[in-house]
């Protein structure tokens, strides 16, 4: 009887160990994926900031051209 209990205990312990190993692997994969996603988000945020800045610069230039064109129209 004791031998059977020990075998069951060993079997249960092995299954638990295997499941813990699987969880550790999944955890490591998630950490890697999370790091990658954070890096991607930072890159996209920087790119967006650059695009917003360029957009504002272009808007200012277009507005300046419109003002010059209007002043040229009024001059004629």
Protein backbone atom coordinates (compact mmCIF):
# COMPACT_ATOMS: atom_id res chain seq x y z
CA UNK A 1 0.00 0.00 0.00
CA UNK A 2 2.78 2.41 0.92
CA UNK A 3 4.52 1.63 -2.34
CA UNK A 4 1.37 2.46 -4.31
CA UNK A 5 0.96 5.76 -2.45
CA UNK A 6 4.59 6.61 -3.14
CA UNK A 7 4.15 5.80 -6.83
CA UNK A 8 1.05 7.98 -7.02
CA UNK A 9 2.83 10.75 -5.19
CA UNK A 10 5.83 10.48 -7.54
CA UNK A 11 3.53 10.51 -10.54
CA UNK A 12 1.63 13.55 -9.27
CA UNK A 13 4.86 15.32 -8.46
CA UNK A 14 6.23 14.61 -11.95
CA UNK A 15 3.05 15.98 -13.56
CA UNK A 16 3.26 19.08 -11.39
CA UNK A 17 6.91 19.52 -12.31
CA UNK A 18 6.07 19.18 -16.02
CA UNK A 19 3.27 21.72 -15.74
CA UNK A 20 5.55 24.14 -13.91
CA UNK A 21 8.14 23.73 -16.66
CA UNK A 22 5.46 24.52 -19.24
CA UNK A 23 4.39 27.59 -17.28
CA UNK A 24 7.96 28.82 -17.06
CA UNK A 25 8.34 28.42 -20.83
CA UNK A 26 5.10 30.28 -21.47
CA UNK A 27 6.14 33.00 -19.06
CA UNK A 28 9.48 33.41 -20.84
CA UNK A 29 7.73 33.56 -24.22
CA UNK A 30 5.31 36.20 -22.93
CA UNK A 31 8.15 38.27 -21.49
CA UNK A 32 9.96 38.16 -24.84
CA UNK A 33 6.79 39.08 -26.71
CA UNK A 34 6.01 41.86 -24.24
CA UNK A 35 9.50 43.32 -24.63
CA UNK A 36 9.18 43.20 -28.40
CA UNK A 37 5.77 44.87 -28.32
CA UNK A 38 7.04 47.62 -26.00
CA UNK A 39 9.97 48.31 -28.34
CA UNK A 40 7.60 48.40 -31.31
CA UNK A 41 5.27 50.77 -29.45
CA UNK A 42 8.16 53.10 -28.60
CA UNK A 43 9.28 53.10 -32.24
CA UNK A 44 5.77 53.85 -33.45
CA UNK A 45 5.37 56.62 -30.88
CA UNK A 46 8.62 58.25 -32.05
CA UNK A 47 7.56 57.90 -35.69
CA UNK A 48 4.18 59.42 -34.90
CA UNK A 49 5.77 62.36 -33.09
CA UNK A 50 8.03 62.95 -36.09
CA UNK A 51 5.06 62.79 -38.46
CA UNK A 52 3.03 65.22 -36.34
CA UNK A 53 5.96 67.65 -36.30
CA UNK A 54 6.42 67.40 -40.07
CA UNK A 55 2.69 67.84 -40.56
CA UNK A 56 2.73 71.03 -38.49
CA UNK A 57 5.71 72.34 -40.46
CA UNK A 58 3.96 71.66 -43.76
CA UNK A 59 0.75 73.26 -42.48
CA UNK A 60 2.67 76.40 -41.49
CA UNK A 61 4.36 76.57 -44.90
CA UNK A 62 1.06 76.12 -46.75
CA UNK A 63 -0.60 78.78 -44.61
CA UNK A 64 2.31 81.15 -45.33
CA UNK A 65 1.93 80.49 -49.06
CA UNK A 66 -1.80 81.20 -48.85
CA UNK A 67 -1.12 84.50 -47.09
CA UNK A 68 1.44 85.46 -49.76
CA UNK A 69 -0.95 84.52 -52.57
CA UNK A 70 -3.74 86.57 -51.00
CA UNK A 71 -1.43 89.55 -50.61
CA UNK A 72 -0.36 89.18 -54.25
CA UNK A 73 -4.03 89.12 -55.31
CA UNK A 74 -4.73 92.27 -53.33
CA UNK A 75 -1.68 93.95 -54.85
CA UNK A 76 -3.02 93.50 -58.39
